[in-house]
Amino acid sequence: MKKVLQPGRGLSAVQRRQLELMAIVRANTVSPLRAEVDETLRHMAELKEQGVKHEPLNKLIESKTGTISVAEWMGF
């Protein structure tokens, strides 16, 4: 929720509670995916310092455009 400060108007009690709850949830949420990403980035930085080239994470396996015709699909 976005805090908007307007002169003469503050946050309502419901909005304050929602912001407090969201802050508590954010502080207590520990994402295993975030930890894994951090570990991978740390490992890649160590390899980069050692001068080791890492394997590309995204590889192009096949590059085709368009849709094949029925004749090509059937082998004619």
PDB file of N, CA and C in Angstrom:
ATOM      1  N   MET A   1       0.841  -1.169   0.000  1.00  0.00           N
ATOM      2  CA  MET A   1       0.000   0.000   0.000  1.00  0.00           C
ATOM      3  C   MET A   1       0.887   1.234   0.000  1.00  0.00           C
ATOM      4  N   LYS A   2       0.508   2.191  -0.762  1.00  0.00           N
ATOM      5  CA  LYS A   2       1.287   3.407  -0.904  1.00  0.00           C
ATOM      6  C   LYS A   2       0.847   4.427   0.148  1.00  0.00           C
ATOM      7  N   LYS A   3       1.816   5.021   0.805  1.00  0.00           N
ATOM      8  CA  LYS A   3       1.502   6.077   1.764  1.00  0.00           C
ATOM      9  C   LYS A   3       1.371   7.391   1.010  1.00  0.00           C
ATOM     10  N   VAL A   4       0.263   8.036   1.191  1.00  0.00           N
ATOM     11  CA  VAL A   4       0.041   9.330   0.561  1.00  0.00           C
ATOM     12  C   VAL A   4      -0.227  10.334   1.664  1.00  0.00           C
ATOM     13  N   LEU A   5       0.611  11.319   1.754  1.00  0.00           N
ATOM     14  CA  LEU A   5       0.443  12.348   2.766  1.00  0.00           C
ATOM     15  C   LEU A   5      -0.287  13.532   2.156  1.00  0.00           C
ATOM     16  N   GLN A   6      -1.409  13.846   2.736  1.00  0.00           N
ATOM     17  CA  GLN A   6      -2.171  14.993   2.293  1.00  0.00           C
ATOM     18  C   GLN A   6      -2.347  15.910   3.489  1.00  0.00           C
ATOM     19  N   PRO A   7      -2.237  17.182   3.283  1.00  0.00           N
ATOM     20  CA  PRO A   7      -2.393  18.106   4.407  1.00  0.00           C
ATOM     21  C   PRO A   7      -3.779  17.953   5.045  1.00  0.00           C
ATOM     22  N   GLY A   8      -3.794  17.818   6.375  1.00  0.00           N
ATOM     23  CA  GLY A   8      -5.048  17.717   7.102  1.00  0.00           C
ATOM     24  C   GLY A   8      -5.668  16.343   7.096  1.00  0.00           C
ATOM     25  N   ARG A   9      -5.001  15.369   6.491  1.00  0.00           N
ATOM     26  CA  ARG A   9      -5.579  14.026   6.436  1.00  0.00           C
ATOM     27  C   ARG A   9      -4.467  13.008   6.655  1.00  0.00           C
ATOM     28  N   GLY A  10      -4.670  12.120   7.600  1.00  0.00           N
ATOM     29  CA  GLY A  10      -3.687  11.086   7.866  1.00  0.00           C
ATOM     30  C   GLY A  10      -4.217   9.731   7.453  1.00  0.00           C
ATOM     31  N   LEU A  11      -3.493   8.697   7.805  1.00  0.00           N
ATOM     32  CA  LEU A  11      -3.930   7.345   7.501  1.00  0.00           C
ATOM     33  C   LEU A  11      -5.020   6.934   8.480  1.00  0.00           C
ATOM     34  N   SER A  12      -5.958   6.139   7.988  1.00  0.00           N
ATOM     35  CA  SER A  12      -6.999   5.646   8.878  1.00  0.00           C
ATOM     36  C   SER A  12      -6.413   4.519   9.729  1.00  0.00           C
ATOM     37  N   ALA A  13      -7.148   4.103  10.743  1.00  0.00           N
ATOM     38  CA  ALA A  13      -6.692   3.031  11.626  1.00  0.00           C
ATOM     39  C   ALA A  13      -6.519   1.733  10.848  1.00  0.00           C
ATOM     40  N   VAL A  14      -7.409   1.465   9.917  1.00  0.00           N
ATOM     41  CA  VAL A  14      -7.319   0.250   9.109  1.00  0.00           C
ATOM     42  C   VAL A  14      -6.069   0.284   8.235  1.00  0.00           C
ATOM     43  N   GLN A  15      -5.800   1.428   7.623  1.00  0.00           N
ATOM     44  CA  GLN A  15      -4.615   1.542   6.769  1.00  0.00           C
ATOM     45  C   GLN A  15      -3.336   1.394   7.588  1.00  0.00           C
ATOM     46  N   ARG A  16      -3.311   1.970   8.788  1.00  0.00           N
ATOM     47  CA  ARG A  16      -2.135   1.825   9.666  1.00  0.00           C
ATOM     48  C   ARG A  16      -1.913   0.363  10.031  1.00  0.00           C
ATOM     49  N   ARG A  17      -2.993  -0.336  10.395  1.00  0.00           N
ATOM     50  CA  ARG A  17      -2.864  -1.762  10.748  1.00  0.00           C
ATOM     51  C   ARG A  17      -2.386  -2.573   9.559  1.00  0.00           C
ATOM     52  N   GLN A  18      -2.899  -2.273   8.356  1.00  0.00           N
ATOM     53  CA  GLN A  18      -2.465  -2.999   7.165  1.00  0.00           C
ATOM     54  C   GLN A  18      -0.977  -2.767   6.899  1.00  0.00           C
ATOM     55  N   LEU A  19      -0.525  -1.529   7.029  1.00  0.00           N
ATOM     56  CA  LEU A  19       0.893  -1.232   6.821  1.00  0.00           C
ATOM     57  C   LEU A  19       1.758  -1.921   7.859  1.00  0.00           C
ATOM     58  N   GLU A  20       1.328  -1.930   9.115  1.00  0.00           N
ATOM     59  CA  GLU A  20       2.087  -2.604  10.169  1.00  0.00           C
ATOM     60  C   GLU A  20       2.151  -4.103   9.912  1.00  0.00           C
ATOM     61  N   LEU A  21       1.015  -4.699   9.517  1.00  0.00           N
ATOM     62  CA  LEU A  21       0.986  -6.132   9.235  1.00  0.00           C
ATOM     63  C   LEU A  21       1.890  -6.478   8.057  1.00  0.00           C
ATOM     64  N   MET A  22       1.837  -5.668   6.995  1.00  0.00           N
ATOM     65  CA  MET A  22       2.693  -5.918   5.841  1.00  0.00           C
ATOM     66  C   MET A  22       4.165  -5.808   6.209  1.00  0.00           C
ATOM     67  N   ALA A  23       4.522  -4.859   7.059  1.00  0.00           N
ATOM     68  CA  ALA A  23       5.911  -4.705   7.491  1.00  0.00           C
ATOM     69  C   ALA A  23       6.353  -5.913   8.304  1.00  0.00           C
ATOM     70  N   ILE A  24       5.487  -6.415   9.177  1.00  0.00           N
ATOM     71  CA  ILE A  24       5.816  -7.593   9.990  1.00  0.00           C
ATOM     72  C   ILE A  24       5.998  -8.814   9.100  1.00  0.00           C
ATOM     73  N   VAL A  25       5.089  -8.992   8.141  1.00  0.00           N
ATOM     74  CA  VAL A  25       5.178 -10.146   7.242  1.00  0.00           C
ATOM     75  C   VAL A  25       6.450 -10.071   6.414  1.00  0.00           C
ATOM     76  N   ARG A  26       6.770  -8.887   5.869  1.00  0.00           N
ATOM     77  CA  ARG A  26       7.997  -8.726   5.083  1.00  0.00           C
ATOM     78  C   ARG A  26       9.242  -9.030   5.911  1.00  0.00           C
ATOM     79  N   ALA A  27       9.231  -8.591   7.175  1.00  0.00           N
ATOM     80  CA  ALA A  27      10.404  -8.790   8.024  1.00  0.00           C
ATOM     81  C   ALA A  27      10.579 -10.258   8.389  1.00  0.00           C
ATOM     82  N   ASN A  28       9.482 -10.996   8.527  1.00  0.00           N
ATOM     83  CA  ASN A  28       9.560 -12.383   8.972  1.00  0.00           C
ATOM     84  C   ASN A  28       9.599 -13.387   7.837  1.00  0.00           C
ATOM     85  N   THR A  29       9.401 -12.939   6.626  1.00  0.00           N
ATOM     86  CA  THR A  29       9.394 -13.851   5.492  1.00  0.00           C
ATOM     87  C   THR A  29      10.823 -14.076   5.024  1.00  0.00           C
ATOM     88  N   VAL A  30      11.239 -15.308   5.083  1.00  0.00           N
ATOM     89  CA  VAL A  30      12.559 -15.682   4.594  1.00  0.00           C
ATOM     90  C   VAL A  30      12.336 -16.619   3.411  1.00  0.00           C
ATOM     91  N   SER A  31      12.690 -16.160   2.267  1.00  0.00           N
ATOM     92  CA  SER A  31      12.452 -16.934   1.056  1.00  0.00           C
ATOM     93  C   SER A  31      13.631 -17.865   0.785  1.00  0.00           C
ATOM     94  N   PRO A  32      13.377 -19.174   0.689  1.00  0.00           N
ATOM     95  CA  PRO A  32      14.474 -20.090   0.348  1.00  0.00           C
ATOM     96  C   PRO A  32      15.001 -19.822  -1.056  1.00  0.00           C
ATOM     97  N   LEU A  33      14.133 -19.362  -1.943  1.00  0.00           N
ATOM     98  CA  LEU A  33      14.580 -19.047  -3.292  1.00  0.00           C
ATOM     99  C   LEU A  33      15.545 -17.864  -3.267  1.00  0.00           C
ATOM    100  N   ARG A  34      15.249 -16.852  -2.454  1.00  0.00           N
ATOM    101  CA  ARG A  34      16.139 -15.689  -2.360  1.00  0.00           C
ATOM    102  C   ARG A  34      17.503 -16.113  -1.841  1.00  0.00           C
ATOM    103  N   ALA A  35      17.527 -17.005  -0.839  1.00  0.00           N
ATOM    104  CA  ALA A  35      18.795 -17.483  -0.299  1.00  0.00           C
ATOM    105  C   ALA A  35      19.583 -18.251  -1.358  1.00  0.00           C
ATOM    106  N   GLU A  36      18.884 -19.050  -2.162  1.00  0.00           N
ATOM    107  CA  GLU A  36      19.559 -19.818  -3.206  1.00  0.00           C
ATOM    108  C   GLU A  36      20.130 -18.898  -4.287  1.00  0.00           C
ATOM    109  N   VAL A  37      19.383 -17.875  -4.651  1.00  0.00           N
ATOM    110  CA  VAL A  37      19.863 -16.917  -5.654  1.00  0.00           C
ATOM    111  C   VAL A  37      21.093 -16.184  -5.130  1.00  0.00           C
ATOM    112  N   ASP A  38      21.044 -15.747  -3.866  1.00  0.00           N
ATOM    113  CA  ASP A  38      22.197 -15.067  -3.274  1.00  0.00           C
ATOM    114  C   ASP A  38      23.426 -15.963  -3.261  1.00  0.00           C
ATOM    115  N   GLU A  39      23.220 -17.235  -2.917  1.00  0.00           N
ATOM    116  CA  GLU A  39      24.343 -18.183  -2.878  1.00  0.00           C
ATOM    117  C   GLU A  39      24.933 -18.381  -4.275  1.00  0.00           C
ATOM    118  N   THR A  40      24.072 -18.496  -5.288  1.00  0.00           N
ATOM    119  CA  THR A  40      24.544 -18.671  -6.658  1.00  0.00           C
ATOM    120  C   THR A  40      25.321 -17.449  -7.132  1.00  0.00           C
ATOM    121  N   LEU A  41      24.801 -16.252  -6.835  1.00  0.00           N
ATOM    122  CA  LEU A  41      25.501 -15.033  -7.243  1.00  0.00           C
ATOM    123  C   LEU A  41      26.844 -14.903  -6.532  1.00  0.00           C
ATOM    124  N   ARG A  42      26.884 -15.282  -5.271  1.00  0.00           N
ATOM    125  CA  ARG A  42      28.144 -15.241  -4.519  1.00  0.00           C
ATOM    126  C   ARG A  42      29.160 -16.207  -5.141  1.00  0.00           C
ATOM    127  N   HIS A  43      28.688 -17.413  -5.493  1.00  0.00           N
ATOM    128  CA  HIS A  43      29.572 -18.413  -6.100  1.00  0.00           C
ATOM    129  C   HIS A  43      30.089 -17.924  -7.459  1.00  0.00           C
ATOM    130  N   MET A  44      29.207 -17.301  -8.253  1.00  0.00           N
ATOM    131  CA  MET A  44      29.635 -16.793  -9.558  1.00  0.00           C
ATOM    132  C   MET A  44      30.643 -15.662  -9.400  1.00  0.00           C
ATOM    133  N   ALA A  45      30.482 -14.826  -8.376  1.00  0.00           N
ATOM    134  CA  ALA A  45      31.441 -13.745  -8.134  1.00  0.00           C
ATOM    135  C   ALA A  45      32.799 -14.314  -7.753  1.00  0.00           C
ATOM    136  N   GLU A  46      32.817 -15.383  -6.945  1.00  0.00           N
ATOM    137  CA  GLU A  46      34.086 -16.028  -6.572  1.00  0.00           C
ATOM    138  C   GLU A  46      34.781 -16.598  -7.801  1.00  0.00           C
ATOM    139  N   LEU A  47      34.016 -17.249  -8.674  1.00  0.00           N
ATOM    140  CA  LEU A  47      34.600 -17.804  -9.892  1.00  0.00           C
ATOM    141  C   LEU A  47      35.137 -16.701 -10.795  1.00  0.00           C
ATOM    142  N   LYS A  48      34.429 -15.578 -10.852  1.00  0.00           N
ATOM    143  CA  LYS A  48      34.871 -14.463 -11.686  1.00  0.00           C
ATOM    144  C   LYS A  48      36.180 -13.893 -11.163  1.00  0.00           C
ATOM    145  N   GLU A  49      36.331 -13.823  -9.828  1.00  0.00           N
ATOM    146  CA  GLU A  49      37.579 -13.331  -9.244  1.00  0.00           C
ATOM    147  C   GLU A  49      38.743 -14.260  -9.570  1.00  0.00           C
ATOM    148  N   GLN A  50      38.456 -15.554  -9.657  1.00  0.00           N
ATOM    149  CA  GLN A  50      39.498 -16.527  -9.972  1.00  0.00           C
ATOM    150  C   GLN A  50      39.807 -16.563 -11.468  1.00  0.00           C
ATOM    151  N   GLY A  51      38.983 -15.899 -12.272  1.00  0.00           N
ATOM    152  CA  GLY A  51      39.221 -15.865 -13.715  1.00  0.00           C
ATOM    153  C   GLY A  51      38.598 -17.015 -14.459  1.00  0.00           C
ATOM    154  N   VAL A  52      37.737 -17.768 -13.805  1.00  0.00           N
ATOM    155  CA  VAL A  52      37.083 -18.905 -14.446  1.00  0.00           C
ATOM    156  C   VAL A  52      35.840 -18.397 -15.167  1.00  0.00           C
ATOM    157  N   LYS A  53      35.717 -18.792 -16.433  1.00  0.00           N
ATOM    158  CA  LYS A  53      34.531 -18.410 -17.188  1.00  0.00           C
ATOM    159  C   LYS A  53      33.408 -19.375 -16.827  1.00  0.00           C
ATOM    160  N   HIS A  54      32.263 -18.818 -16.480  1.00  0.00           N
ATOM    161  CA  HIS A  54      31.137 -19.674 -16.115  1.00  0.00           C
ATOM    162  C   HIS A  54      30.386 -20.120 -17.356  1.00  0.00           C
ATOM    163  N   GLU A  55      29.647 -21.190 -17.198  1.00  0.00           N
ATOM    164  CA  GLU A  55      28.828 -21.711 -18.267  1.00  0.00           C
ATOM    165  C   GLU A  55      27.654 -20.767 -18.484  1.00  0.00           C
ATOM    166  N   PRO A  56      27.287 -20.482 -19.705  1.00  0.00           N
ATOM    167  CA  PRO A  56      26.145 -19.600 -19.913  1.00  0.00           C
ATOM    168  C   PRO A  56      24.880 -20.198 -19.311  1.00  0.00           C
ATOM    169  N   LEU A  57      24.101 -19.365 -18.639  1.00  0.00           N
ATOM    170  CA  LEU A  57      22.899 -19.865 -17.988  1.00  0.00           C
ATOM    171  C   LEU A  57      21.770 -20.085 -18.984  1.00  0.00           C
ATOM    172  N   ASN A  58      21.721 -19.286 -20.024  1.00  0.00           N
ATOM    173  CA  ASN A  58      20.684 -19.430 -21.046  1.00  0.00           C
ATOM    174  C   ASN A  58      21.349 -19.813 -22.355  1.00  0.00           C
ATOM    175  N   LYS A  59      20.999 -20.979 -22.859  1.00  0.00           N
ATOM    176  CA  LYS A  59      21.566 -21.439 -24.121  1.00  0.00           C
ATOM    177  C   LYS A  59      20.469 -21.523 -25.167  1.00  0.00           C
ATOM    178  N   LEU A  60      20.785 -21.128 -26.380  1.00  0.00           N
ATOM    179  CA  LEU A  60      19.857 -21.262 -27.478  1.00  0.00           C
ATOM    180  C   LEU A  60      20.000 -22.670 -28.028  1.00  0.00           C
ATOM    181  N   ILE A  61      18.963 -23.457 -27.920  1.00  0.00           N
ATOM    182  CA  ILE A  61      19.024 -24.847 -28.364  1.00  0.00           C
ATOM    183  C   ILE A  61      18.648 -24.955 -29.834  1.00  0.00           C
ATOM    184  N   GLU A  62      17.600 -24.267 -30.234  1.00  0.00           N
ATOM    185  CA  GLU A  62      17.131 -24.367 -31.602  1.00  0.00           C
ATOM    186  C   GLU A  62      16.521 -23.036 -32.003  1.00  0.00           C
ATOM    187  N   SER A  63      16.797 -22.611 -33.207  1.00  0.00           N
ATOM    188  CA  SER A  63      16.250 -21.339 -33.676  1.00  0.00           C
ATOM    189  C   SER A  63      15.495 -21.579 -34.971  1.00  0.00           C
ATOM    190  N   LYS A  64      14.174 -21.579 -34.878  1.00  0.00           N
ATOM    191  CA  LYS A  64      13.329 -21.739 -36.060  1.00  0.00           C
ATOM    192  C   LYS A  64      12.264 -20.670 -36.022  1.00  0.00           C
ATOM    193  N   THR A  65      11.814 -20.299 -37.195  1.00  0.00           N
ATOM    194  CA  THR A  65      10.732 -19.323 -37.258  1.00  0.00           C
ATOM    195  C   THR A  65       9.591 -19.909 -38.058  1.00  0.00           C
ATOM    196  N   GLY A  66       8.400 -19.496 -37.790  1.00  0.00           N
ATOM    197  CA  GLY A  66       7.241 -19.931 -38.547  1.00  0.00           C
ATOM    198  C   GLY A  66       6.758 -21.310 -38.133  1.00  0.00           C
ATOM    199  N   THR A  67       5.748 -21.754 -38.829  1.00  0.00           N
ATOM    200  CA  THR A  67       5.134 -23.053 -38.566  1.00  0.00           C
ATOM    201  C   THR A  67       5.428 -23.962 -39.746  1.00  0.00           C
ATOM    202  N   ILE A  68       5.748 -25.223 -39.461  1.00  0.00           N
ATOM    203  CA  ILE A  68       6.027 -26.160 -40.551  1.00  0.00           C
ATOM    204  C   ILE A  68       4.718 -26.505 -41.248  1.00  0.00           C
ATOM    205  N   SER A  69       4.837 -26.854 -42.508  1.00  0.00           N
ATOM    206  CA  SER A  69       3.641 -27.231 -43.262  1.00  0.00           C
ATOM    207  C   SER A  69       3.302 -28.686 -42.968  1.00  0.00           C
ATOM    208  N   VAL A  70       2.088 -29.076 -43.328  1.00  0.00           N
ATOM    209  CA  VAL A  70       1.647 -30.457 -43.116  1.00  0.00           C
ATOM    210  C   VAL A  70       2.506 -31.404 -43.946  1.00  0.00           C
ATOM    211  N   ALA A  71       2.899 -30.980 -45.131  1.00  0.00           N
ATOM    212  CA  ALA A  71       3.715 -31.837 -45.996  1.00  0.00           C
ATOM    213  C   ALA A  71       5.089 -32.090 -45.356  1.00  0.00           C
ATOM    214  N   GLU A  72       5.683 -31.048 -44.784  1.00  0.00           N
ATOM    215  CA  GLU A  72       6.969 -31.240 -44.106  1.00  0.00           C
ATOM    216  C   GLU A  72       6.796 -32.129 -42.877  1.00  0.00           C
ATOM    217  N   TRP A  73       5.700 -31.955 -42.171  1.00  0.00           N
ATOM    218  CA  TRP A  73       5.448 -32.734 -40.968  1.00  0.00           C
ATOM    219  C   TRP A  73       5.262 -34.222 -41.302  1.00  0.00           C
ATOM    220  N   MET A  74       4.618 -34.502 -42.432  1.00  0.00           N
ATOM    221  CA  MET A  74       4.374 -35.894 -42.842  1.00  0.00           C
ATOM    222  C   MET A  74       5.585 -36.481 -43.570  1.00  0.00           C
ATOM    223  N   GLY A  75       6.593 -35.668 -43.886  1.00  0.00           N
ATOM    224  CA  GLY A  75       7.806 -36.180 -44.502  1.00  0.00           C
ATOM    225  C   GLY A  75       7.795 -36.188 -46.012  1.00  0.00           C
ATOM    226  N   PHE A  76       6.935 -35.397 -46.647  1.00  0.00           N
ATOM    227  CA  PHE A  76       6.886 -35.359 -48.100  1.00  0.00           C
ATOM    228  C   PHE A  76       7.765 -34.275 -48.641  1.00  0.00           C
TER     229      PHE A  76
END
